[in-house]
Amino acid sequence: MSVSTLAIMCDIIKEYMHLHCNQIWIYNQKRNIPTDFRLYVIVEYAGAVCYSSSKKHEETIDGLKTINAQKMQETIRINLISADPEAINRVGECIGALSSDYSQNVQATMGLTIASNPTSVLDASAAEVTRQLYRTIIEVKVLRAYVQEKTVPCYDDFSFEISNEKGIEL
């Protein structure tokens, strides 16, 4: 099973910025906005574009194998939030994390490429009920290949049937 791009991004940022594991998480995890003054990082998947998809067959000792591959350009948003200006002041450090030596090693190991420069950096600060919440959104592109390998069933073993038992209306 492959590791998600979001988990990889979280690991790179956490290591480089010396964040505690409760200061960084993947978006939509039912977490409340923290009330202290530490920096928090939320990494979210904003979409992707598939720019290549291929299928090939390969002969193996066990028989024929199908290899499906997709090359994707994923858009990742990194949200920095804090109750003080740290979310704005540490933007450069977060961008630096993505091109650090640690990041380069992780990218080589995991077979992905993180763009050197973000596509945008936005100030999304807003006034909360009782205080100002500082928030910066960094958007980056990640190139990643996904590969699935499956054994091709022998022609004699292949069967196909459509029936109402499978829930398909005829």
Protein backbone atom coordinates (compact mmCIF):
# COMPACT_ATOMS: atom_id res chain seq x y z
CA MET A 1 0.00 0.00 0.00
CA SER A 2 1.37 3.41 -0.90
CA VAL A 3 1.67 6.28 1.54
CA SER A 4 -0.59 9.25 0.79
CA THR A 5 0.91 12.44 -0.57
CA LEU A 6 -0.66 14.32 2.36
CA ALA A 7 1.07 12.09 4.93
CA ILE A 8 4.40 12.58 3.15
CA MET A 9 3.94 16.37 3.10
CA CYS A 10 3.03 16.37 6.82
CA ASP A 11 6.16 14.39 7.66
CA ILE A 12 8.45 16.70 5.68
CA ILE A 13 7.01 19.88 7.21
CA LYS A 14 6.92 18.47 10.76
CA GLU A 15 10.55 17.37 10.61
CA TYR A 16 11.91 20.58 9.10
CA MET A 17 9.88 23.02 11.22
CA HIS A 18 10.33 21.00 14.45
CA LEU A 19 6.60 20.75 15.10
CA HIS A 20 5.04 18.43 17.66
CA CYS A 21 2.81 15.75 16.11
CA ASN A 22 -0.31 17.48 17.51
CA GLN A 23 0.62 20.69 15.65
CA ILE A 24 0.18 19.24 12.15
CA TRP A 25 -2.62 17.18 10.65
CA ILE A 26 -4.45 16.28 7.48
CA TYR A 27 -7.51 18.40 6.66
CA ASN A 28 -11.00 17.27 7.65
CA GLN A 29 -10.02 15.32 10.77
CA LYS A 30 -12.69 16.84 13.07
CA ARG A 31 -10.23 18.93 15.04
CA ASN A 32 -11.12 22.16 16.77
CA ILE A 33 -9.19 25.35 16.08
CA PRO A 34 -6.62 25.51 18.90
CA THR A 35 -6.86 28.34 21.41
CA ASP A 36 -3.16 28.65 22.33
CA PHE A 37 -0.50 30.71 20.56
CA ARG A 38 1.45 27.89 18.88
CA LEU A 39 1.69 27.47 15.11
CA TYR A 40 -0.54 24.79 13.58
CA VAL A 41 -0.30 23.33 10.09
CA ILE A 42 -3.15 21.69 8.21
CA VAL A 43 -2.39 19.93 4.92
CA GLU A 44 -5.22 19.39 2.42
CA TYR A 45 -5.72 17.82 -0.99
CA ALA A 46 -7.16 20.40 -3.39
CA GLY A 47 -7.40 18.24 -6.53
CA ALA A 48 -5.35 16.66 -9.29
CA VAL A 49 -4.89 16.40 -13.03
CA CYS A 50 -4.01 13.10 -14.66
CA TYR A 51 -1.59 13.89 -17.48
CA SER A 52 -0.67 10.33 -18.43
CA SER A 53 -2.31 6.94 -18.13
CA SER A 54 -0.93 3.73 -19.56
CA LYS A 55 -1.47 -0.02 -19.54
CA LYS A 56 1.02 -2.67 -20.55
CA HIS A 57 1.38 -6.41 -20.21
CA GLU A 58 4.43 -8.25 -18.98
CA GLU A 59 5.23 -11.96 -19.09
CA THR A 60 6.23 -13.44 -15.72
CA ILE A 61 6.89 -16.92 -14.35
CA ASP A 62 3.34 -16.97 -12.92
CA GLY A 63 1.76 -15.88 -16.19
CA LEU A 64 0.74 -12.60 -17.75
CA LYS A 65 0.68 -9.46 -15.61
CA THR A 66 -1.10 -6.15 -16.35
CA ILE A 67 0.60 -2.95 -15.25
CA ASN A 68 -1.57 0.18 -15.09
CA ALA A 69 0.18 3.48 -14.43
CA GLN A 70 -1.10 7.02 -13.95
CA LYS A 71 1.00 10.16 -13.67
CA MET A 72 -0.73 12.87 -11.67
CA GLN A 73 -0.17 16.51 -10.88
CA GLU A 74 -1.68 16.95 -7.42
CA THR A 75 -2.49 20.31 -5.86
CA ILE A 76 -1.77 20.45 -2.13
CA ARG A 77 -2.71 23.33 0.18
CA ILE A 78 -0.72 23.93 3.33
CA ASN A 79 -2.61 26.04 5.88
CA LEU A 80 -0.60 27.75 8.60
CA ILE A 81 -2.72 29.07 11.48
CA SER A 82 -1.87 30.77 14.76
CA ALA A 83 -3.26 33.28 17.22
CA ASP A 84 -0.23 35.51 16.64
CA PRO A 85 1.61 36.52 13.44
CA GLU A 86 3.72 33.33 13.48
CA ALA A 87 1.51 31.89 10.69
CA ILE A 88 2.64 34.74 8.46
CA ASN A 89 6.22 34.99 9.72
CA ARG A 90 7.04 31.29 9.15
CA VAL A 91 5.80 31.01 5.56
CA GLY A 92 9.37 31.07 4.21
CA GLU A 93 10.39 28.29 6.59
CA CYS A 94 7.47 26.13 5.42
CA ILE A 95 8.38 26.69 1.76
CA GLY A 96 12.00 25.90 2.64
CA ALA A 97 10.90 22.61 4.17
CA LEU A 98 9.64 21.44 0.78
CA SER A 99 13.06 21.87 -0.86
CA SER A 100 15.20 20.81 2.14
CA ASP A 101 17.70 17.95 2.01
CA TYR A 102 15.28 15.83 4.05
CA SER A 103 12.51 16.58 1.56
CA GLN A 104 14.76 15.68 -1.39
CA ASN A 105 15.59 12.33 0.22
CA VAL A 106 11.92 11.59 0.95
CA GLN A 107 10.93 12.54 -2.61
CA ALA A 108 13.58 10.21 -4.06
CA THR A 109 12.51 7.38 -1.77
CA MET A 110 8.77 7.79 -2.35
CA GLY A 111 8.95 8.51 -6.10
CA LEU A 112 7.38 11.94 -6.22
CA THR A 113 8.44 15.49 -7.03
CA ILE A 114 7.39 18.57 -5.07
CA ALA A 115 7.58 21.83 -7.03
CA SER A 116 10.37 24.16 -5.86
CA ASN A 117 8.10 27.19 -5.80
CA PRO A 118 4.50 27.39 -4.59
CA THR A 119 1.84 28.37 -7.11
CA SER A 120 0.40 30.83 -4.59
CA VAL A 121 0.74 32.15 -1.05
CA LEU A 122 -2.42 33.75 0.31
CA ASP A 123 -3.16 35.65 3.51
CA ALA A 124 -6.48 34.23 4.71
CA SER A 125 -6.45 35.83 8.17
CA ALA A 126 -9.84 36.47 9.71
CA ALA A 127 -11.28 37.85 12.89
CA GLU A 128 -12.70 35.13 15.10
CA VAL A 129 -15.30 35.87 17.76
CA THR A 130 -12.85 37.13 20.38
CA ARG A 131 -9.51 37.41 18.59
CA GLN A 132 -7.64 37.63 15.31
CA LEU A 133 -6.73 34.29 13.73
CA TYR A 134 -3.72 34.52 11.45
CA ARG A 135 -3.85 32.12 8.53
CA THR A 136 -1.67 31.67 5.47
CA ILE A 137 -2.39 29.23 2.64
CA ILE A 138 0.50 27.91 0.55
CA GLU A 139 -0.48 26.02 -2.60
CA VAL A 140 2.04 23.64 -4.18
CA LYS A 141 2.05 21.14 -7.02
CA VAL A 142 3.26 17.58 -6.57
CA LEU A 143 4.02 15.18 -9.42
CA ARG A 144 3.40 11.56 -8.54
CA ALA A 145 3.07 8.25 -10.34
CA TYR A 146 0.68 5.53 -9.23
CA VAL A 147 1.21 1.97 -10.44
CA GLN A 148 -1.07 -1.05 -10.05
CA GLU A 149 0.01 -4.56 -10.99
CA LYS A 150 -2.43 -7.46 -11.36
CA THR A 151 -2.19 -10.97 -12.70
CA VAL A 152 -4.24 -11.43 -15.86
CA PRO A 153 -6.69 -14.32 -15.52
CA CYS A 154 -6.31 -17.11 -18.05
CA TYR A 155 -8.94 -17.10 -20.81
CA ASP A 156 -10.30 -20.44 -19.58
CA ASP A 157 -10.70 -19.03 -16.03
CA PHE A 158 -12.53 -15.86 -17.10
CA SER A 159 -16.27 -15.74 -16.55
CA PHE A 160 -18.77 -12.94 -16.85
CA GLU A 161 -22.44 -12.87 -15.99
CA ILE A 162 -25.06 -10.16 -15.66
CA SER A 163 -27.99 -10.98 -13.45
CA ASN A 164 -30.45 -9.24 -11.19
CA GLU A 165 -28.68 -10.82 -8.20
CA LYS A 166 -25.84 -8.32 -8.65
CA GLY A 167 -28.23 -5.39 -8.34
CA ILE A 168 -28.07 -4.37 -12.00
CA GLU A 169 -31.32 -3.52 -13.72
CA LEU A 170 -31.73 -5.31 -17.03
